[in-house]
C-alpha atoms as a PDB file:
ATOM      1  CA  MET A   1     163.989 -65.293 128.718  1.00  0.00           C
ATOM      2  CA  LEU A   2     165.964 -68.039 130.424  1.00  0.00           C
ATOM      3  CA  SER A   3     164.289 -71.194 131.684  1.00  0.00           C
ATOM      4  CA  HIS A   4     165.583 -73.021 134.734  1.00  0.00           C
ATOM      5  CA  PRO A   5     167.647 -75.909 133.320  1.00  0.00           C
ATOM      6  CA  ILE A   6     167.960 -77.972 136.507  1.00  0.00           C
ATOM      7  CA  HIS A   7     165.286 -80.355 137.752  1.00  0.00           C
ATOM      8  CA  PRO A   8     164.313 -80.121 141.415  1.00  0.00           C
ATOM      9  CA  LEU A   9     166.071 -82.582 143.693  1.00  0.00           C
ATOM     10  CA  TYR A  10     163.767 -84.423 146.083  1.00  0.00           C
ATOM     11  CA  ASP A  11     162.267 -87.785 146.878  1.00  0.00           C
ATOM     12  CA  SER A  12     159.363 -89.063 148.940  1.00  0.00           C
ATOM     13  CA  SER A  13     161.398 -88.883 152.162  1.00  0.00           C
ATOM     14  CA  SER A  14     162.339 -85.196 151.759  1.00  0.00           C
ATOM     15  CA  GLU A  15     161.241 -83.137 154.769  1.00  0.00           C
ATOM     16  CA  ILE A  16     163.127 -79.870 154.289  1.00  0.00           C
ATOM     17  CA  LEU A  17     162.851 -77.733 151.153  1.00  0.00           C
ATOM     18  CA  ILE A  18     165.574 -75.167 150.463  1.00  0.00           C
ATOM     19  CA  LEU A  19     164.901 -72.700 147.658  1.00  0.00           C
ATOM     20  CA  GLY A  20     167.369 -70.374 146.015  1.00  0.00           C
ATOM     21  CA  SER A  21     166.372 -67.635 143.594  1.00  0.00           C
ATOM     22  CA  PHE A  22     167.655 -68.698 140.131  1.00  0.00           C
ATOM     23  CA  PRO A  23     170.816 -70.612 139.184  1.00  0.00           C
ATOM     24  CA  SER A  24     173.966 -68.654 138.440  1.00  0.00           C
ATOM     25  CA  VAL A  25     175.790 -68.921 135.128  1.00  0.00           C
ATOM     26  CA  LYS A  26     178.200 -71.417 136.738  1.00  0.00           C
ATOM     27  CA  SER A  27     175.327 -73.519 138.122  1.00  0.00           C
ATOM     28  CA  ARG A  28     173.614 -73.516 134.724  1.00  0.00           C
ATOM     29  CA  GLU A  29     176.878 -74.658 133.111  1.00  0.00           C
ATOM     30  CA  ALA A  30     177.351 -77.393 135.741  1.00  0.00           C
ATOM     31  CA  MET A  31     173.651 -78.328 135.524  1.00  0.00           C
ATOM     32  CA  PHE A  32     173.497 -78.514 139.315  1.00  0.00           C
ATOM     33  CA  PHE A  33     172.751 -76.228 142.217  1.00  0.00           C
ATOM     34  CA  TYR A  34     175.329 -73.887 143.728  1.00  0.00           C
ATOM     35  CA  GLY A  35     177.922 -74.635 141.081  1.00  0.00           C
ATOM     36  CA  HIS A  36     179.938 -71.436 141.536  1.00  0.00           C
ATOM     37  CA  PRO A  37     183.099 -72.362 143.455  1.00  0.00           C
ATOM     38  CA  GLN A  38     182.793 -69.212 145.597  1.00  0.00           C
ATOM     39  CA  ASN A  39     179.249 -69.974 146.732  1.00  0.00           C
ATOM     40  CA  ARG A  40     179.419 -71.259 150.301  1.00  0.00           C
ATOM     41  CA  PHE A  41     176.251 -73.403 150.221  1.00  0.00           C
ATOM     42  CA  TRP A  42     177.997 -76.795 150.168  1.00  0.00           C
ATOM     43  CA  LYS A  43     180.601 -75.759 152.723  1.00  0.00           C
ATOM     44  CA  VAL A  44     177.885 -74.422 155.064  1.00  0.00           C
ATOM     45  CA  ILE A  45     175.296 -77.187 154.718  1.00  0.00           C
ATOM     46  CA  SER A  46     177.912 -79.922 155.209  1.00  0.00           C
ATOM     47  CA  ALA A  47     179.265 -78.111 158.290  1.00  0.00           C
ATOM     48  CA  VAL A  48     175.736 -77.897 159.698  1.00  0.00           C
ATOM     49  CA  PHE A  49     175.449 -81.688 159.461  1.00  0.00           C
ATOM     50  CA  GLU A  50     179.082 -82.211 160.521  1.00  0.00           C
ATOM     51  CA  VAL A  51     180.061 -84.210 157.450  1.00  0.00           C
ATOM     52  CA  LYS A  52     182.782 -83.903 154.831  1.00  0.00           C
ATOM     53  CA  GLU A  53     181.896 -81.389 152.131  1.00  0.00           C
ATOM     54  CA  PRO A  54     180.529 -83.193 149.063  1.00  0.00           C
ATOM     55  CA  LYS A  55     182.480 -82.419 145.877  1.00  0.00           C
ATOM     56  CA  THR A  56     180.894 -84.265 142.968  1.00  0.00           C
ATOM     57  CA  ILE A  57     177.308 -83.844 141.813  1.00  0.00           C
ATOM     58  CA  GLU A  58     176.568 -87.422 142.838  1.00  0.00           C
ATOM     59  CA  GLU A  59     178.026 -86.836 146.323  1.00  0.00           C
ATOM     60  CA  LYS A  60     175.911 -83.678 146.623  1.00  0.00           C
ATOM     61  CA  ARG A  61     172.760 -85.540 145.544  1.00  0.00           C
ATOM     62  CA  GLN A  62     173.400 -88.333 148.032  1.00  0.00           C
ATOM     63  CA  PHE A  63     174.136 -85.856 150.821  1.00  0.00           C
ATOM     64  CA  LEU A  64     170.862 -83.983 150.279  1.00  0.00           C
ATOM     65  CA  LEU A  65     168.667 -87.047 149.928  1.00  0.00           C
ATOM     66  CA  SER A  66     170.270 -88.830 152.895  1.00  0.00           C
ATOM     67  CA  HIS A  67     169.521 -85.765 155.042  1.00  0.00           C
ATOM     68  CA  HIS A  68     165.935 -85.510 153.707  1.00  0.00           C
ATOM     69  CA  ILE A  69     166.611 -82.185 151.983  1.00  0.00           C
ATOM     70  CA  ALA A  70     164.891 -81.124 148.779  1.00  0.00           C
ATOM     71  CA  LEU A  71     166.523 -78.394 146.709  1.00  0.00           C
ATOM     72  CA  TRP A  72     165.200 -76.102 144.009  1.00  0.00           C
ATOM     73  CA  ASP A  73     164.688 -72.454 143.140  1.00  0.00           C
ATOM     74  CA  VAL A  74     161.811 -70.002 143.416  1.00  0.00           C
ATOM     75  CA  ILE A  75     162.112 -68.804 139.810  1.00  0.00           C
ATOM     76  CA  ALA A  76     161.323 -71.125 136.883  1.00  0.00           C
ATOM     77  CA  SER A  77     162.202 -68.578 134.196  1.00  0.00           C
ATOM     78  CA  CYS A  78     163.199 -64.943 133.962  1.00  0.00           C
ATOM     79  CA  ASP A  79     165.291 -62.397 132.154  1.00  0.00           C
ATOM     80  CA  ILE A  80     168.650 -62.025 133.891  1.00  0.00           C
ATOM     81  CA  GLU A  81     172.028 -60.550 132.998  1.00  0.00           C
ATOM     82  CA  GLY A  82     174.729 -63.042 133.911  1.00  0.00           C
ATOM     83  CA  SER A  83     174.169 -64.087 137.508  1.00  0.00           C
ATOM     84  CA  ALA A  84     173.138 -60.709 138.944  1.00  0.00           C
ATOM     85  CA  ASP A  85     169.959 -61.042 141.016  1.00  0.00           C
ATOM     86  CA  SER A  86     169.497 -57.282 140.714  1.00  0.00           C
ATOM     87  CA  THR A  87     168.812 -57.678 136.975  1.00  0.00           C
ATOM     88  CA  ILE A  88     166.021 -60.269 137.319  1.00  0.00           C
ATOM     89  CA  LYS A  89     162.880 -59.302 135.387  1.00  0.00           C
ATOM     90  CA  ASN A  90     159.790 -61.017 133.944  1.00  0.00           C
ATOM     91  CA  VAL A  91     159.659 -63.712 136.604  1.00  0.00           C
ATOM     92  CA  GLN A  92     157.718 -66.931 136.215  1.00  0.00           C
ATOM     93  CA  ALA A  93     157.597 -68.780 139.529  1.00  0.00           C
ATOM     94  CA  SER A  94     158.439 -72.449 139.953  1.00  0.00           C
ATOM     95  CA  ASP A  95     155.572 -74.850 140.535  1.00  0.00           C
ATOM     96  CA  LEU A  96     156.324 -76.476 143.880  1.00  0.00           C
ATOM     97  CA  SER A  97     153.334 -78.823 143.726  1.00  0.00           C
ATOM     98  CA  PRO A  98     155.317 -81.870 142.457  1.00  0.00           C
ATOM     99  CA  ILE A  99     157.569 -81.622 145.515  1.00  0.00           C
ATOM    100  CA  LEU A 100     154.809 -80.787 147.982  1.00  0.00           C
ATOM    101  CA  THR A 101     152.552 -83.627 146.813  1.00  0.00           C
ATOM    102  CA  THR A 102     155.344 -86.225 146.754  1.00  0.00           C
ATOM    103  CA  ALA A 103     157.188 -85.392 149.954  1.00  0.00           C
ATOM    104  CA  ASN A 104     156.065 -84.495 153.446  1.00  0.00           C
ATOM    105  CA  ILE A 105     157.843 -81.132 153.570  1.00  0.00           C
ATOM    106  CA  ARG A 106     157.845 -79.927 157.173  1.00  0.00           C
ATOM    107  CA  GLN A 107     159.674 -76.635 156.583  1.00  0.00           C
ATOM    108  CA  ILE A 108     160.580 -74.410 153.666  1.00  0.00           C
ATOM    109  CA  PHE A 109     163.711 -72.249 153.746  1.00  0.00           C
ATOM    110  CA  VAL A 110     164.847 -69.646 151.253  1.00  0.00           C
ATOM    111  CA  ASN A 111     168.512 -68.891 150.632  1.00  0.00           C
ATOM    112  CA  GLY A 112     168.753 -65.109 150.861  1.00  0.00           C
ATOM    113  CA  LYS A 113     166.604 -62.007 150.516  1.00  0.00           C
ATOM    114  CA  THR A 114     166.128 -62.265 146.730  1.00  0.00           C
ATOM    115  CA  ALA A 115     164.673 -65.760 147.051  1.00  0.00           C
ATOM    116  CA  GLU A 116     162.520 -64.523 149.937  1.00  0.00           C
ATOM    117  CA  ARG A 117     161.203 -61.553 147.950  1.00  0.00           C
ATOM    118  CA  TYR A 118     160.149 -63.682 144.963  1.00  0.00           C
ATOM    119  CA  TYR A 119     158.832 -66.473 147.191  1.00  0.00           C
ATOM    120  CA  ASN A 120     156.609 -64.048 149.100  1.00  0.00           C
ATOM    121  CA  ARG A 121     155.402 -62.379 145.910  1.00  0.00           C
ATOM    122  CA  TYR A 122     154.741 -65.400 143.684  1.00  0.00           C
ATOM    123  CA  ILE A 123     154.586 -68.617 145.705  1.00  0.00           C
ATOM    124  CA  LEU A 124     153.283 -67.799 149.194  1.00  0.00           C
ATOM    125  CA  PRO A 125     149.878 -66.542 147.936  1.00  0.00           C
ATOM    126  CA  ASN A 126     149.314 -69.858 146.136  1.00  0.00           C
ATOM    127  CA  ILE A 127     150.531 -72.404 148.675  1.00  0.00           C
ATOM    128  CA  ARG A 128     149.987 -70.371 151.873  1.00  0.00           C
ATOM    129  CA  ARG A 129     153.086 -71.757 153.570  1.00  0.00           C
ATOM    130  CA  SER A 130     155.605 -69.326 154.940  1.00  0.00           C
ATOM    131  CA  ALA A 131     159.328 -69.813 154.425  1.00  0.00           C
ATOM    132  CA  ILE A 132     162.171 -69.025 156.793  1.00  0.00           C
ATOM    133  CA  CYS A 133     164.755 -66.749 155.206  1.00  0.00           C
ATOM    134  CA  LEU A 134     168.363 -67.746 155.812  1.00  0.00           C
ATOM    135  CA  PRO A 135     171.311 -65.491 154.999  1.00  0.00           C
ATOM    136  CA  SER A 136     172.534 -65.951 151.455  1.00  0.00           C
ATOM    137  CA  THR A 137     175.482 -68.255 150.861  1.00  0.00           C
ATOM    138  CA  SER A 138     176.360 -66.225 147.751  1.00  0.00           C
ATOM    139  CA  PRO A 139     179.843 -64.709 147.574  1.00  0.00           C
ATOM    140  CA  ALA A 140     178.040 -61.362 147.140  1.00  0.00           C
ATOM    141  CA  ASN A 141     177.035 -61.666 150.816  1.00  0.00           C
ATOM    142  CA  ALA A 142     180.607 -61.046 151.948  1.00  0.00           C
ATOM    143  CA  ALA A 143     179.525 -59.625 155.322  1.00  0.00           C
ATOM    144  CA  TRP A 144     178.738 -63.157 156.472  1.00  0.00           C
ATOM    145  CA  SER A 145     181.652 -65.496 157.206  1.00  0.00           C
ATOM    146  CA  VAL A 146     181.323 -69.259 156.758  1.00  0.00           C
ATOM    147  CA  ASP A 147     181.208 -69.691 160.551  1.00  0.00           C
ATOM    148  CA  ARG A 148     178.455 -67.101 160.918  1.00  0.00           C
ATOM    149  CA  LEU A 149     176.493 -68.645 158.031  1.00  0.00           C
ATOM    150  CA  THR A 150     176.890 -72.110 159.557  1.00  0.00           C
ATOM    151  CA  ASP A 151     175.493 -70.857 162.873  1.00  0.00           C
ATOM    152  CA  ALA A 152     172.483 -69.266 161.163  1.00  0.00           C
ATOM    153  CA  TRP A 153     171.870 -72.269 158.920  1.00  0.00           C
ATOM    154  CA  GLY A 154     171.947 -74.611 161.944  1.00  0.00           C
ATOM    155  CA  ILE A 155     168.162 -74.251 162.108  1.00  0.00           C
ATOM    156  CA  VAL A 156     167.941 -76.556 159.077  1.00  0.00           C
ATOM    157  CA  ARG A 157     169.330 -79.428 161.153  1.00  0.00           C
ATOM    158  CA  THR A 158     167.072 -78.808 164.130  1.00  0.00           C
ATOM    159  CA  THR A 159     163.874 -78.584 162.069  1.00  0.00           C
END
């Protein structure tokens, strides 16, 4: 059983919450979200806000907080082989209450179908707030180009 090693990123001015499923091996090694160099999250989210892509963890933190974005994952712990979402078992959901009681979250988004599936199963029944599913920025979602992802993720900016 692996426990999520990364603390949620948010502050009292966060208005948007973006949830992934569970951090990849590369993200766990980097101790920050979307740490795999092939994941398009940072490229897409910076394009949505028309800013230079943040590179360092500190730049990424500042970008998110300055745009009132909170970031975490749906799964707090699970059994997983490598980074393969298809191998996830024995899920324990994340407790979103620290974020939801500190910040005035106006909208929750999930990054991909795996995050959506676990959100709907484990979190939605408890908090009764629906999430909008955005196409995954994972390199496994090769059918979606960066431009197409950026268009779809544009809803984050308009929320």
